[in-house]
Amino acid sequence: MAHGAHRSPLLPPHPDLTAARDCEQCLGWGTVVTRDGAHELCRSCQPDAADDEGTDPTGP
């Protein structure tokens, strides 16, 4: 039986490229790579980067 590629459970964040256009921190990409090799939203140009990452704002 053939199997397709498995999707990674950790999808990269989707930045607002309009906000990132002139950012010197991320060079217009909207994301930065951490020391662990993960992609995170740029804290300089992305408004969601300072919010609770990965948490549900509605609570449990």
PDB file of N, CA and C in Angstrom:
ATOM      1  N   MET A   1       0.849  -1.161   0.000  1.00  0.00           N
ATOM      2  CA  MET A   1       0.000   0.000   0.000  1.00  0.00           C
ATOM      3  C   MET A   1       0.905   1.237   0.000  1.00  0.00           C
ATOM      4  N   ALA A   2       0.569   2.227  -0.809  1.00  0.00           N
ATOM      5  CA  ALA A   2       1.357   3.461  -0.903  1.00  0.00           C
ATOM      6  C   ALA A   2       0.873   4.472   0.136  1.00  0.00           C
ATOM      7  N   HIS A   3       1.810   5.184   0.671  1.00  0.00           N
ATOM      8  CA  HIS A   3       1.488   6.209   1.657  1.00  0.00           C
ATOM      9  C   HIS A   3       2.053   7.543   1.186  1.00  0.00           C
ATOM     10  N   GLY A   4       1.287   8.600   1.387  1.00  0.00           N
ATOM     11  CA  GLY A   4       1.758   9.938   1.044  1.00  0.00           C
ATOM     12  C   GLY A   4       2.599  10.519   2.166  1.00  0.00           C
ATOM     13  N   ALA A   5       3.138  11.654   1.900  1.00  0.00           N
ATOM     14  CA  ALA A   5       3.948  12.341   2.915  1.00  0.00           C
ATOM     15  C   ALA A   5       3.058  12.778   4.075  1.00  0.00           C
ATOM     16  N   HIS A   6       3.586  12.665   5.255  1.00  0.00           N
ATOM     17  CA  HIS A   6       2.848  13.086   6.442  1.00  0.00           C
ATOM     18  C   HIS A   6       2.994  14.584   6.635  1.00  0.00           C
ATOM     19  N   ARG A   7       1.916  15.209   7.034  1.00  0.00           N
ATOM     20  CA  ARG A   7       1.972  16.637   7.314  1.00  0.00           C
ATOM     21  C   ARG A   7       2.614  16.863   8.668  1.00  0.00           C
ATOM     22  N   SER A   8       3.414  17.895   8.737  1.00  0.00           N
ATOM     23  CA  SER A   8       4.044  18.252  10.003  1.00  0.00           C
ATOM     24  C   SER A   8       2.988  18.857  10.920  1.00  0.00           C
ATOM     25  N   PRO A   9       2.955  18.455  12.193  1.00  0.00           N
ATOM     26  CA  PRO A   9       1.968  19.029  13.109  1.00  0.00           C
ATOM     27  C   PRO A   9       2.266  20.486  13.431  1.00  0.00           C
ATOM     28  N   LEU A  10       3.500  20.930  13.204  1.00  0.00           N
ATOM     29  CA  LEU A  10       3.875  22.304  13.490  1.00  0.00           C
ATOM     30  C   LEU A  10       3.964  23.091  12.184  1.00  0.00           C
ATOM     31  N   LEU A  11       2.915  23.798  11.864  1.00  0.00           N
ATOM     32  CA  LEU A  11       2.911  24.598  10.655  1.00  0.00           C
ATOM     33  C   LEU A  11       3.543  25.949  10.936  1.00  0.00           C
ATOM     34  N   PRO A  12       4.284  26.493   9.980  1.00  0.00           N
ATOM     35  CA  PRO A  12       4.881  27.805  10.200  1.00  0.00           C
ATOM     36  C   PRO A  12       3.806  28.880  10.302  1.00  0.00           C
ATOM     37  N   PRO A  13       4.086  29.941  11.034  1.00  0.00           N
ATOM     38  CA  PRO A  13       3.108  31.018  11.173  1.00  0.00           C
ATOM     39  C   PRO A  13       2.904  31.740   9.847  1.00  0.00           C
ATOM     40  N   HIS A  14       1.752  32.371   9.689  1.00  0.00           N
ATOM     41  CA  HIS A  14       1.428  33.115   8.477  1.00  0.00           C
ATOM     42  C   HIS A  14       1.527  34.604   8.781  1.00  0.00           C
ATOM     43  N   PRO A  15       2.626  35.242   8.371  1.00  0.00           N
ATOM     44  CA  PRO A  15       2.818  36.655   8.680  1.00  0.00           C
ATOM     45  C   PRO A  15       2.036  37.564   7.745  1.00  0.00           C
ATOM     46  N   ASP A  16       1.841  38.789   8.183  1.00  0.00           N
ATOM     47  CA  ASP A  16       1.258  39.843   7.356  1.00  0.00           C
ATOM     48  C   ASP A  16       2.417  40.471   6.586  1.00  0.00           C
ATOM     49  N   LEU A  17       2.542  40.146   5.305  1.00  0.00           N
ATOM     50  CA  LEU A  17       3.677  40.605   4.522  1.00  0.00           C
ATOM     51  C   LEU A  17       3.638  42.100   4.250  1.00  0.00           C
ATOM     52  N   THR A  18       2.460  42.693   4.289  1.00  0.00           N
ATOM     53  CA  THR A  18       2.360  44.143   4.120  1.00  0.00           C
ATOM     54  C   THR A  18       3.032  44.845   5.289  1.00  0.00           C
ATOM     55  N   ALA A  19       2.808  44.362   6.497  1.00  0.00           N
ATOM     56  CA  ALA A  19       3.433  44.948   7.684  1.00  0.00           C
ATOM     57  C   ALA A  19       4.938  44.681   7.702  1.00  0.00           C
ATOM     58  N   ALA A  20       5.361  43.577   7.111  1.00  0.00           N
ATOM     59  CA  ALA A  20       6.765  43.186   7.140  1.00  0.00           C
ATOM     60  C   ALA A  20       7.605  43.855   6.055  1.00  0.00           C
ATOM     61  N   ARG A  21       6.977  44.490   5.113  1.00  0.00           N
ATOM     62  CA  ARG A  21       7.665  44.999   3.921  1.00  0.00           C
ATOM     63  C   ARG A  21       8.943  45.784   4.226  1.00  0.00           C
ATOM     64  N   ASP A  22       8.923  46.707   5.164  1.00  0.00           N
ATOM     65  CA  ASP A  22      10.082  47.554   5.447  1.00  0.00           C
ATOM     66  C   ASP A  22      10.786  47.204   6.753  1.00  0.00           C
ATOM     67  N   CYS A  23      10.523  46.034   7.284  1.00  0.00           N
ATOM     68  CA  CYS A  23      11.110  45.641   8.572  1.00  0.00           C
ATOM     69  C   CYS A  23      12.582  45.258   8.402  1.00  0.00           C
ATOM     70  N   GLU A  24      13.431  45.854   9.233  1.00  0.00           N
ATOM     71  CA  GLU A  24      14.855  45.539   9.189  1.00  0.00           C
ATOM     72  C   GLU A  24      15.193  44.291   9.999  1.00  0.00           C
ATOM     73  N   GLN A  25      14.315  43.912  10.921  1.00  0.00           N
ATOM     74  CA  GLN A  25      14.563  42.738  11.771  1.00  0.00           C
ATOM     75  C   GLN A  25      14.408  41.440  10.974  1.00  0.00           C
ATOM     76  N   CYS A  26      13.320  41.319  10.218  1.00  0.00           N
ATOM     77  CA  CYS A  26      13.052  40.082   9.474  1.00  0.00           C
ATOM     78  C   CYS A  26      13.322  40.222   7.980  1.00  0.00           C
ATOM     79  N   LEU A  27      13.734  41.410   7.564  1.00  0.00           N
ATOM     80  CA  LEU A  27      14.067  41.680   6.158  1.00  0.00           C
ATOM     81  C   LEU A  27      12.879  41.473   5.220  1.00  0.00           C
ATOM     82  N   GLY A  28      11.678  41.738   5.726  1.00  0.00           N
ATOM     83  CA  GLY A  28      10.482  41.657   4.901  1.00  0.00           C
ATOM     84  C   GLY A  28       9.810  40.300   4.853  1.00  0.00           C
ATOM     85  N   TRP A  29      10.342  39.317   5.552  1.00  0.00           N
ATOM     86  CA  TRP A  29       9.752  37.974   5.543  1.00  0.00           C
ATOM     87  C   TRP A  29       8.592  37.847   6.526  1.00  0.00           C
ATOM     88  N   GLY A  30       8.626  38.598   7.609  1.00  0.00           N
ATOM     89  CA  GLY A  30       7.564  38.515   8.609  1.00  0.00           C
ATOM     90  C   GLY A  30       7.797  37.458   9.662  1.00  0.00           C
ATOM     91  N   THR A  31       8.801  36.609   9.447  1.00  0.00           N
ATOM     92  CA  THR A  31       9.144  35.591  10.430  1.00  0.00           C
ATOM     93  C   THR A  31      10.645  35.607  10.666  1.00  0.00           C
ATOM     94  N   VAL A  32      11.039  35.077  11.798  1.00  0.00           N
ATOM     95  CA  VAL A  32      12.453  34.899  12.120  1.00  0.00           C
ATOM     96  C   VAL A  32      12.645  33.439  12.537  1.00  0.00           C
ATOM     97  N   VAL A  33      13.865  32.946  12.392  1.00  0.00           N
ATOM     98  CA  VAL A  33      14.176  31.570  12.769  1.00  0.00           C
ATOM     99  C   VAL A  33      14.838  31.591  14.138  1.00  0.00           C
ATOM    100  N   THR A  34      14.317  30.784  15.052  1.00  0.00           N
ATOM    101  CA  THR A  34      14.855  30.708  16.407  1.00  0.00           C
ATOM    102  C   THR A  34      16.117  29.840  16.423  1.00  0.00           C
ATOM    103  N   ARG A  35      16.768  29.803  17.574  1.00  0.00           N
ATOM    104  CA  ARG A  35      17.961  28.962  17.718  1.00  0.00           C
ATOM    105  C   ARG A  35      17.628  27.486  17.545  1.00  0.00           C
ATOM    106  N   ASP A  36      16.373  27.128  17.827  1.00  0.00           N
ATOM    107  CA  ASP A  36      15.929  25.740  17.681  1.00  0.00           C
ATOM    108  C   ASP A  36      15.576  25.391  16.249  1.00  0.00           C
ATOM    109  N   GLY A  37      15.590  26.385  15.362  1.00  0.00           N
ATOM    110  CA  GLY A  37      15.256  26.146  13.966  1.00  0.00           C
ATOM    111  C   GLY A  37      13.783  26.319  13.648  1.00  0.00           C
ATOM    112  N   ALA A  38      13.002  26.792  14.613  1.00  0.00           N
ATOM    113  CA  ALA A  38      11.568  27.009  14.393  1.00  0.00           C
ATOM    114  C   ALA A  38      11.332  28.418  13.861  1.00  0.00           C
ATOM    115  N   HIS A  39      10.269  28.578  13.091  1.00  0.00           N
ATOM    116  CA  HIS A  39       9.895  29.891  12.580  1.00  0.00           C
ATOM    117  C   HIS A  39       8.922  30.544  13.548  1.00  0.00           C
ATOM    118  N   GLU A  40       9.166  31.804  13.876  1.00  0.00           N
ATOM    119  CA  GLU A  40       8.260  32.579  14.724  1.00  0.00           C
ATOM    120  C   GLU A  40       7.950  33.882  14.025  1.00  0.00           C
ATOM    121  N   LEU A  41       6.790  34.450  14.334  1.00  0.00           N
ATOM    122  CA  LEU A  41       6.462  35.760  13.809  1.00  0.00           C
ATOM    123  C   LEU A  41       7.452  36.774  14.338  1.00  0.00           C
ATOM    124  N   CYS A  42       7.808  37.724  13.506  1.00  0.00           N
ATOM    125  CA  CYS A  42       8.740  38.777  13.889  1.00  0.00           C
ATOM    126  C   CYS A  42       8.086  39.672  14.932  1.00  0.00           C
ATOM    127  N   ARG A  43       8.745  39.868  16.049  1.00  0.00           N
ATOM    128  CA  ARG A  43       8.189  40.697  17.126  1.00  0.00           C
ATOM    129  C   ARG A  43       8.228  42.182  16.788  1.00  0.00           C
ATOM    130  N   SER A  44       9.012  42.575  15.803  1.00  0.00           N
ATOM    131  CA  SER A  44       9.114  43.982  15.435  1.00  0.00           C
ATOM    132  C   SER A  44       7.966  44.463  14.554  1.00  0.00           C
ATOM    133  N   CYS A  45       7.495  43.626  13.644  1.00  0.00           N
ATOM    134  CA  CYS A  45       6.515  44.103  12.668  1.00  0.00           C
ATOM    135  C   CYS A  45       5.179  43.377  12.678  1.00  0.00           C
ATOM    136  N   GLN A  46       5.071  42.256  13.371  1.00  0.00           N
ATOM    137  CA  GLN A  46       3.830  41.489  13.367  1.00  0.00           C
ATOM    138  C   GLN A  46       3.038  41.763  14.641  1.00  0.00           C
ATOM    139  N   PRO A  47       1.830  42.287  14.504  1.00  0.00           N
ATOM    140  CA  PRO A  47       1.043  42.654  15.685  1.00  0.00           C
ATOM    141  C   PRO A  47       0.679  41.462  16.573  1.00  0.00           C
ATOM    142  N   ASP A  48       0.563  40.271  16.019  1.00  0.00           N
ATOM    143  CA  ASP A  48       0.174  39.092  16.797  1.00  0.00           C
ATOM    144  C   ASP A  48       1.346  38.489  17.565  1.00  0.00           C
ATOM    145  N   ALA A  49       2.560  38.897  17.269  1.00  0.00           N
ATOM    146  CA  ALA A  49       3.732  38.270  17.873  1.00  0.00           C
ATOM    147  C   ALA A  49       3.796  38.476  19.382  1.00  0.00           C
ATOM    148  N   ALA A  50       3.292  39.585  19.890  1.00  0.00           N
ATOM    149  CA  ALA A  50       3.339  39.861  21.326  1.00  0.00           C
ATOM    150  C   ALA A  50       2.187  39.212  22.079  1.00  0.00           C
ATOM    151  N   ASP A  51       1.149  38.781  21.364  1.00  0.00           N
ATOM    152  CA  ASP A  51       0.000  38.134  21.992  1.00  0.00           C
ATOM    153  C   ASP A  51       0.381  36.737  22.457  1.00  0.00           C
ATOM    154  N   ASP A  52      -0.543  36.079  23.156  1.00  0.00           N
ATOM    155  CA  ASP A  52      -0.319  34.710  23.610  1.00  0.00           C
ATOM    156  C   ASP A  52      -0.221  33.798  22.404  1.00  0.00           C
ATOM    157  N   GLU A  53       0.951  33.253  22.166  1.00  0.00           N
ATOM    158  CA  GLU A  53       1.152  32.386  21.015  1.00  0.00           C
ATOM    159  C   GLU A  53       0.627  30.986  21.303  1.00  0.00           C
ATOM    160  N   GLY A  54      -0.197  30.479  20.410  1.00  0.00           N
ATOM    161  CA  GLY A  54      -0.671  29.120  20.534  1.00  0.00           C
ATOM    162  C   GLY A  54      -1.689  28.877  21.625  1.00  0.00           C
ATOM    163  N   THR A  55      -2.218  29.915  22.230  1.00  0.00           N
ATOM    164  CA  THR A  55      -3.222  29.705  23.252  1.00  0.00           C
ATOM    165  C   THR A  55      -4.574  30.159  22.736  1.00  0.00           C
ATOM    166  N   ASP A  56      -5.598  29.575  23.281  1.00  0.00           N
ATOM    167  CA  ASP A  56      -6.951  29.923  22.883  1.00  0.00           C
ATOM    168  C   ASP A  56      -7.399  31.118  23.703  1.00  0.00           C
ATOM    169  N   PRO A  57      -7.704  32.263  23.045  1.00  0.00           N
ATOM    170  CA  PRO A  57      -8.085  33.449  23.795  1.00  0.00           C
ATOM    171  C   PRO A  57      -9.414  33.322  24.531  1.00  0.00           C
ATOM    172  N   THR A  58     -10.226  32.327  24.172  1.00  0.00           N
ATOM    173  CA  THR A  58     -11.520  32.152  24.829  1.00  0.00           C
ATOM    174  C   THR A  58     -11.396  31.379  26.130  1.00  0.00           C
ATOM    175  N   GLY A  59     -10.225  30.746  26.315  1.00  0.00           N
ATOM    176  CA  GLY A  59     -10.018  30.016  27.566  1.00  0.00           C
ATOM    177  C   GLY A  59     -10.524  28.594  27.490  1.00  0.00           C
ATOM    178  N   PRO A  60     -10.387  27.844  28.592  1.00  0.00           N
ATOM    179  CA  PRO A  60     -10.808  26.436  28.597  1.00  0.00           C
ATOM    180  C   PRO A  60     -12.300  26.264  28.626  1.00  0.00           C
TER     181      PRO A  60
END
